[in-house]
């Protein structure tokens, strides 16, 4: 079962909302054998579940991100941050690790679902919130806004990034972290793009992993919440007014095919995470937006799992940050 909300969580919710609304955030919805966030945030329409299986995947991905960054939690050049906002905190693991590493900082961590643990460092505050709605913080309040694994979450990334800009102090940073939702062959060939499947079918011998990603990405555009946003994130951050936008990409193997020992171990983790998450990734997007029957989705997921176990694929991890200019600074 999920852990109960952190101490003080309900007090936080009650301070800004009614008892009925506070209770509604625990009224989860269920579909396809999975549990999803409450209809209290129906406008958010987030496509991934929030149950124990998804929480385990999120924690595994946290481990993958940390391995990719050599144990670091961020790439922005932070210097003694005092107030930090973690948007879409999920299980809260990043926020808690950041709090442990920066005990003098105050971390606010928001999510649609109150699935964070009861125990947490004293400088972490978990809050239920939708980042597409108005932010309940003063302007120029945070030194750092962190957004990880939020691809497919927002209709308007520009609006969310402008909110981050408004609520950052001059000189503060926003950072986006995610995998690119694109599947590559070891030689760098993009396998999941629209040109790979012009007829919309997957012929024998083609990659079922790539085909599943192609369909899910297509469905996410139909839903109005695109999943493959990482490649254009630098331009979005710059358009929101940020300066010194910096991009870093790293290999995210999906299997143990790399010869490098570190990448081989990373690939083992990457394959487990994707294998366990394929059904959750596909079922909501394909049934709701492409009209697939759940049984058809399961057939494709089974083929993709078989393909994943024998294929040689990778994704890219993206780390993009930008700095809010100082007052009077020309950009």
Protein backbone atom coordinates (compact mmCIF):
# COMPACT_ATOMS: atom_id res chain seq x y z
CA UNK A 1 0.00 0.00 0.00
CA UNK A 2 1.08 3.61 -0.49
CA UNK A 3 2.70 5.43 2.36
CA UNK A 4 0.50 7.96 4.18
CA UNK A 5 1.12 11.63 3.46
CA UNK A 6 3.91 13.40 5.28
CA UNK A 7 3.31 15.02 8.64
CA UNK A 8 1.86 18.47 8.13
CA UNK A 9 0.62 17.57 4.65
CA UNK A 10 -3.07 17.80 5.51
CA UNK A 11 -2.50 21.00 7.47
CA UNK A 12 -0.94 22.48 4.34
CA UNK A 13 -3.86 21.41 2.18
CA UNK A 14 -6.45 22.60 4.68
CA UNK A 15 -4.84 26.00 4.99
CA UNK A 16 -5.61 26.79 1.37
CA UNK A 17 -8.63 24.63 0.60
CA UNK A 18 -11.82 23.23 2.08
CA UNK A 19 -12.07 19.91 3.87
CA UNK A 20 -14.11 18.44 1.00
CA UNK A 21 -11.54 19.43 -1.59
CA UNK A 22 -8.73 18.17 0.62
CA UNK A 23 -10.48 14.82 0.94
CA UNK A 24 -11.01 14.65 -2.82
CA UNK A 25 -7.27 14.51 -3.53
CA UNK A 26 -7.28 11.01 -2.04
CA UNK A 27 -10.25 9.90 -4.19
CA UNK A 28 -8.12 8.20 -6.81
CA UNK A 29 -9.46 6.97 -10.14
CA UNK A 30 -8.91 3.48 -11.55
CA UNK A 31 -8.62 2.14 -15.08
CA UNK A 32 -6.90 -0.75 -16.88
CA UNK A 33 -5.96 -2.31 -13.56
CA UNK A 34 -3.99 0.80 -12.53
CA UNK A 35 -4.58 3.68 -10.11
CA UNK A 36 -4.47 7.32 -11.26
CA UNK A 37 -4.62 10.76 -9.67
CA UNK A 38 -7.86 12.19 -8.32
CA UNK A 39 -10.49 13.79 -10.55
CA UNK A 40 -9.89 16.88 -8.41
CA UNK A 41 -7.23 17.56 -11.06
CA UNK A 42 -9.25 16.35 -14.05
CA UNK A 43 -7.90 19.22 -16.15
CA UNK A 44 -4.39 17.87 -15.70
CA UNK A 45 -5.29 14.53 -17.32
CA UNK A 46 -1.89 13.06 -16.49
CA UNK A 47 -1.54 9.78 -18.40
CA UNK A 48 0.65 7.75 -16.03
CA UNK A 49 -0.61 6.00 -12.87
CA UNK A 50 0.40 6.75 -9.29
CA UNK A 51 0.21 3.23 -7.80
CA UNK A 52 2.95 1.15 -6.21
CA UNK A 53 4.27 -0.15 -9.52
CA UNK A 54 4.68 3.35 -10.90
CA UNK A 55 6.27 4.58 -7.68
CA UNK A 56 8.87 1.81 -7.92
CA UNK A 57 9.61 2.84 -11.51
CA UNK A 58 10.00 6.49 -10.52
CA UNK A 59 12.47 5.59 -7.78
CA UNK A 60 14.43 3.43 -10.23
CA UNK A 61 14.55 6.32 -12.70
CA UNK A 62 15.84 8.56 -9.92
CA UNK A 63 18.69 6.11 -9.49
CA UNK A 64 19.33 6.14 -13.25
CA UNK A 65 19.44 9.94 -13.39
CA UNK A 66 21.85 10.04 -10.45
CA UNK A 67 24.11 7.44 -12.09
CA UNK A 68 24.15 9.42 -15.32
CA UNK A 69 25.17 12.57 -13.43
CA UNK A 70 27.78 10.80 -11.31
CA UNK A 71 25.72 11.14 -8.14
CA UNK A 72 24.69 14.75 -8.69
CA UNK A 73 21.07 15.87 -8.50
CA UNK A 74 21.26 18.80 -10.91
CA UNK A 75 23.45 20.41 -13.56
CA UNK A 76 22.67 24.09 -12.95
CA UNK A 77 25.52 26.01 -11.23
CA UNK A 78 23.73 26.51 -7.91
CA UNK A 79 25.42 28.39 -5.09
CA UNK A 80 23.82 28.03 -1.69
CA UNK A 81 20.14 27.89 -2.75
CA UNK A 82 17.78 28.97 0.03
CA UNK A 83 14.38 28.15 -1.48
CA UNK A 84 13.78 25.38 -4.01
CA UNK A 85 10.65 24.17 -5.81
CA UNK A 86 10.43 20.61 -7.14
CA UNK A 87 7.54 20.50 -9.63
CA UNK A 88 6.00 17.05 -10.11
CA UNK A 89 7.93 15.48 -7.24
CA UNK A 90 6.34 12.02 -7.60
CA UNK A 91 7.55 9.91 -4.69
CA UNK A 92 9.52 12.89 -3.36
CA UNK A 93 12.84 11.07 -3.57
CA UNK A 94 14.67 13.86 -5.40
CA UNK A 95 13.37 16.51 -2.99
CA UNK A 96 14.44 14.48 0.03
CA UNK A 97 17.91 13.80 -1.37
CA UNK A 98 18.29 17.50 -2.20
CA UNK A 99 17.14 18.43 1.30
CA UNK A 100 19.71 16.11 2.85
CA UNK A 101 22.45 17.60 0.69
CA UNK A 102 21.33 21.19 1.40
CA UNK A 103 20.08 21.27 5.01
CA UNK A 104 19.93 25.07 5.03
CA UNK A 105 17.56 25.15 2.06
CA UNK A 106 13.76 25.09 2.20
CA UNK A 107 12.28 22.70 -0.38
CA UNK A 108 8.69 22.81 -1.58
CA UNK A 109 7.73 19.71 -3.58
CA UNK A 110 4.43 19.56 -5.46
CA UNK A 111 2.52 16.81 -7.21
CA UNK A 112 -1.00 15.89 -8.30
CA UNK A 113 -0.92 12.86 -5.98
CA UNK A 114 -0.17 12.71 -2.23
CA UNK A 115 2.01 9.59 -2.53
CA UNK A 116 5.07 10.91 -0.71
CA UNK A 117 6.33 9.12 2.43
CA UNK A 118 5.34 10.00 5.98
CA UNK A 119 8.96 10.56 6.93
CA UNK A 120 10.97 13.33 5.32
CA UNK A 121 13.76 15.76 6.19
CA UNK A 122 12.46 18.70 8.22
CA UNK A 123 13.28 21.15 5.43
CA UNK A 124 10.94 19.47 2.89
CA UNK A 125 7.29 20.41 2.49
CA UNK A 126 5.11 18.24 0.23
CA UNK A 127 2.10 19.93 -1.36
CA UNK A 128 -0.63 18.77 -3.74
CA UNK A 129 -0.87 21.15 -6.65
CA UNK A 130 -1.27 21.37 -10.42
CA UNK A 131 1.57 23.36 -11.97
CA UNK A 132 -0.71 24.46 -14.82
CA UNK A 133 -2.92 26.34 -12.34
CA UNK A 134 -1.87 29.47 -10.46
CA UNK A 135 1.17 28.99 -8.23
CA UNK A 136 0.54 29.76 -4.56
CA UNK A 137 3.91 31.39 -3.94
CA UNK A 138 5.15 34.98 -3.98
CA UNK A 139 6.92 36.31 -7.03
CA UNK A 140 10.72 36.15 -6.98
CA UNK A 141 10.59 33.53 -4.20
CA UNK A 142 12.74 30.58 -5.34
CA UNK A 143 16.41 30.22 -6.17
CA UNK A 144 15.89 27.03 -8.15
CA UNK A 145 12.92 25.35 -9.86
CA UNK A 146 13.43 21.69 -10.72
CA UNK A 147 11.28 19.75 -13.23
CA UNK A 148 12.04 16.08 -13.90
CA UNK A 149 10.18 13.38 -15.89
CA UNK A 150 7.33 15.74 -16.74
CA UNK A 151 7.21 15.09 -20.49
CA UNK A 152 3.58 14.63 -21.47
CA UNK A 153 2.34 16.54 -18.44
CA UNK A 154 1.51 20.00 -19.79
CA UNK A 155 -0.55 21.49 -22.57
CA UNK A 156 1.48 24.68 -22.55
CA UNK A 157 5.10 24.37 -21.49
CA UNK A 158 5.62 28.04 -22.24
CA UNK A 159 3.03 29.05 -19.64
CA UNK A 160 4.57 26.78 -16.99
CA UNK A 161 8.07 28.07 -17.71
CA UNK A 162 6.84 31.66 -17.50
CA UNK A 163 5.46 30.86 -14.04
CA UNK A 164 8.85 29.49 -13.08
CA UNK A 165 10.43 32.71 -14.37
CA UNK A 166 8.00 34.86 -12.36
CA UNK A 167 8.61 32.95 -9.13
CA UNK A 168 12.40 32.79 -9.40
CA UNK A 169 14.67 35.44 -7.91
CA UNK A 170 16.90 37.28 -10.39
CA UNK A 171 19.86 35.01 -10.94
CA UNK A 172 17.81 31.90 -10.09
CA UNK A 173 17.71 28.79 -12.26
CA UNK A 174 15.10 26.54 -13.82
CA UNK A 175 16.12 23.02 -14.85
CA UNK A 176 14.41 20.36 -16.97
CA UNK A 177 15.50 16.71 -16.78
CA UNK A 178 14.01 13.80 -18.71
CA UNK A 179 14.67 11.10 -21.25
CA UNK A 180 13.90 12.13 -24.79
CA UNK A 181 11.11 9.62 -25.62
CA UNK A 182 12.93 8.80 -28.85
CA UNK A 183 14.37 5.37 -29.62
CA UNK A 184 17.73 5.05 -31.39
CA UNK A 185 19.75 2.18 -32.83
CA UNK A 186 23.37 1.88 -31.63
CA UNK A 187 24.57 3.65 -34.81
CA UNK A 188 22.47 6.72 -33.93
CA UNK A 189 19.59 6.05 -36.33
CA UNK A 190 16.30 7.42 -34.99
CA UNK A 191 13.83 4.54 -35.04
CA UNK A 192 10.70 6.01 -33.48
CA UNK A 193 10.10 9.07 -35.66
CA UNK A 194 7.20 9.42 -38.13
CA UNK A 195 9.44 8.73 -41.12
CA UNK A 196 10.15 5.27 -39.72
CA UNK A 197 6.46 4.31 -39.97
CA UNK A 198 4.94 6.34 -42.83
CA UNK A 199 2.10 3.85 -43.33
CA UNK A 200 1.29 3.63 -39.64
CA UNK A 201 2.01 -0.09 -39.51
CA UNK A 202 4.83 -2.18 -38.11
CA UNK A 203 6.04 -4.67 -40.69
CA UNK A 204 7.65 -7.95 -39.58
CA UNK A 205 11.24 -7.43 -38.57
CA UNK A 206 10.79 -3.80 -37.58
CA UNK A 207 11.22 -2.64 -33.99
CA UNK A 208 8.11 -3.07 -31.89
CA UNK A 209 9.77 -0.94 -29.17
CA UNK A 210 10.17 1.91 -31.64
CA UNK A 211 6.66 1.40 -33.00
CA UNK A 212 5.16 1.60 -29.51
CA UNK A 213 7.05 4.84 -28.84
CA UNK A 214 5.97 6.20 -32.22
CA UNK A 215 2.29 5.50 -31.49
CA UNK A 216 2.44 6.83 -27.93
CA UNK A 217 4.14 10.01 -29.07
CA UNK A 218 1.51 10.43 -31.79
CA UNK A 219 -1.27 9.86 -29.23
CA UNK A 220 0.26 12.40 -26.86
CA UNK A 221 0.11 15.08 -29.57
CA UNK A 222 -3.55 14.23 -30.17
CA UNK A 223 -4.12 14.58 -26.41
CA UNK A 224 -2.50 18.01 -26.52
CA UNK A 225 0.22 17.04 -24.05
CA UNK A 226 3.21 15.98 -26.16
CA UNK A 227 5.67 13.49 -24.69
CA UNK A 228 8.68 14.18 -26.96
CA UNK A 229 9.44 17.70 -25.71
CA UNK A 230 13.05 17.37 -24.55
CA UNK A 231 14.64 18.19 -27.91
CA UNK A 232 12.92 21.57 -28.05
CA UNK A 233 13.17 22.44 -24.36
CA UNK A 234 16.14 24.80 -24.73
CA UNK A 235 14.15 26.96 -27.14
CA UNK A 236 11.14 26.93 -24.80
CA UNK A 237 13.25 28.00 -21.83
CA UNK A 238 14.89 30.77 -23.83
CA UNK A 239 11.49 31.98 -25.10
CA UNK A 240 10.33 32.28 -21.47
CA UNK A 241 13.06 34.89 -20.92
CA UNK A 242 15.89 32.85 -19.45
CA UNK A 243 19.54 33.51 -20.26
CA UNK A 244 22.57 31.23 -20.48
CA UNK A 245 20.45 28.27 -21.56
CA UNK A 246 22.63 25.18 -21.39
CA UNK A 247 21.93 21.70 -22.77
CA UNK A 248 23.55 18.41 -21.81
CA UNK A 249 22.63 15.04 -23.32
CA UNK A 250 23.81 11.61 -22.20
CA UNK A 251 23.32 8.06 -23.41
CA UNK A 252 20.48 6.10 -21.76
CA UNK A 253 20.96 2.49 -22.94
CA UNK A 254 18.00 0.09 -22.98
CA UNK A 255 19.84 -3.15 -22.44
CA UNK A 256 23.25 -4.55 -21.63
CA UNK A 257 24.66 -4.27 -25.16
CA UNK A 258 27.21 -1.45 -24.53
CA UNK A 259 30.80 -2.62 -24.04
CA UNK A 260 31.58 0.09 -21.48
CA UNK A 261 30.96 -1.43 -18.01
CA UNK A 262 29.28 1.70 -16.64
CA UNK A 263 26.95 1.97 -19.65
CA UNK A 264 26.27 -1.77 -19.50
CA UNK A 265 25.10 -1.45 -15.88
CA UNK A 266 23.09 1.63 -16.79
CA UNK A 267 21.52 -0.28 -19.67
CA UNK A 268 20.47 -3.06 -17.32
CA UNK A 269 18.59 -0.53 -15.20
CA UNK A 270 17.19 1.25 -18.25
CA UNK A 271 15.79 -1.96 -19.68
CA UNK A 272 14.16 -2.94 -16.38
CA UNK A 273 12.57 0.49 -16.01
CA UNK A 274 11.17 0.51 -19.54
CA UNK A 275 10.09 -3.14 -19.45
CA UNK A 276 8.10 -2.57 -16.25
CA UNK A 277 6.66 0.70 -17.51
CA UNK A 278 5.64 -0.15 -21.08
CA UNK A 279 2.03 -1.03 -20.31
CA UNK A 280 1.45 2.05 -18.17
CA UNK A 281 3.13 4.22 -20.81
CA UNK A 282 0.92 2.89 -23.60
CA UNK A 283 -2.49 1.89 -22.29
CA UNK A 284 -3.97 5.29 -21.42
CA UNK A 285 -2.56 7.08 -24.47
CA UNK A 286 -3.54 4.45 -27.02
CA UNK A 287 -7.01 3.61 -25.71
CA UNK A 288 -8.10 7.20 -25.13
CA UNK A 289 -6.52 8.94 -28.11
CA UNK A 290 -6.15 6.29 -30.83
CA UNK A 291 -9.22 4.23 -29.96
CA UNK A 292 -7.33 0.99 -29.37
CA UNK A 293 -8.92 -1.80 -27.37
CA UNK A 294 -7.01 -2.66 -24.19
CA UNK A 295 -6.39 -6.17 -25.54
CA UNK A 296 -4.72 -4.74 -28.65
CA UNK A 297 -2.50 -2.56 -26.46
CA UNK A 298 -1.46 -5.59 -24.42
CA UNK A 299 -0.54 -7.49 -27.59
CA UNK A 300 1.73 -4.68 -28.73
CA UNK A 301 3.22 -4.31 -25.24
CA UNK A 302 4.03 -8.03 -25.19
CA UNK A 303 5.74 -7.78 -28.58
CA UNK A 304 7.66 -4.70 -27.44
CA UNK A 305 8.81 -6.49 -24.28
CA UNK A 306 10.13 -9.41 -26.33
CA UNK A 307 11.84 -6.97 -28.68
CA UNK A 308 13.36 -5.07 -25.75
CA UNK A 309 14.94 -8.22 -24.35
CA UNK A 310 16.73 -9.05 -27.60
CA UNK A 311 17.15 -5.65 -29.26
CA UNK A 312 19.88 -3.01 -29.04
CA UNK A 313 18.38 0.40 -28.34
CA UNK A 314 19.04 3.60 -26.47
CA UNK A 315 17.33 6.85 -25.57
CA UNK A 316 18.92 10.16 -24.64
CA UNK A 317 18.84 11.79 -21.23
CA UNK A 318 18.35 15.55 -21.45
CA UNK A 319 19.41 18.14 -18.90
CA UNK A 320 18.52 21.73 -19.78
CA UNK A 321 18.77 24.76 -17.52
CA UNK A 322 18.46 28.51 -17.83
CA UNK A 323 19.12 31.52 -15.59
CA UNK A 324 16.71 34.35 -14.84
CA UNK A 325 18.60 37.55 -15.71
CA UNK A 326 19.55 40.02 -13.03
CA UNK A 327 17.55 43.24 -12.80
CA UNK A 328 18.67 45.54 -15.62
CA UNK A 329 20.67 42.82 -17.36
CA UNK A 330 20.33 42.76 -21.15
CA UNK A 331 19.70 39.33 -22.68
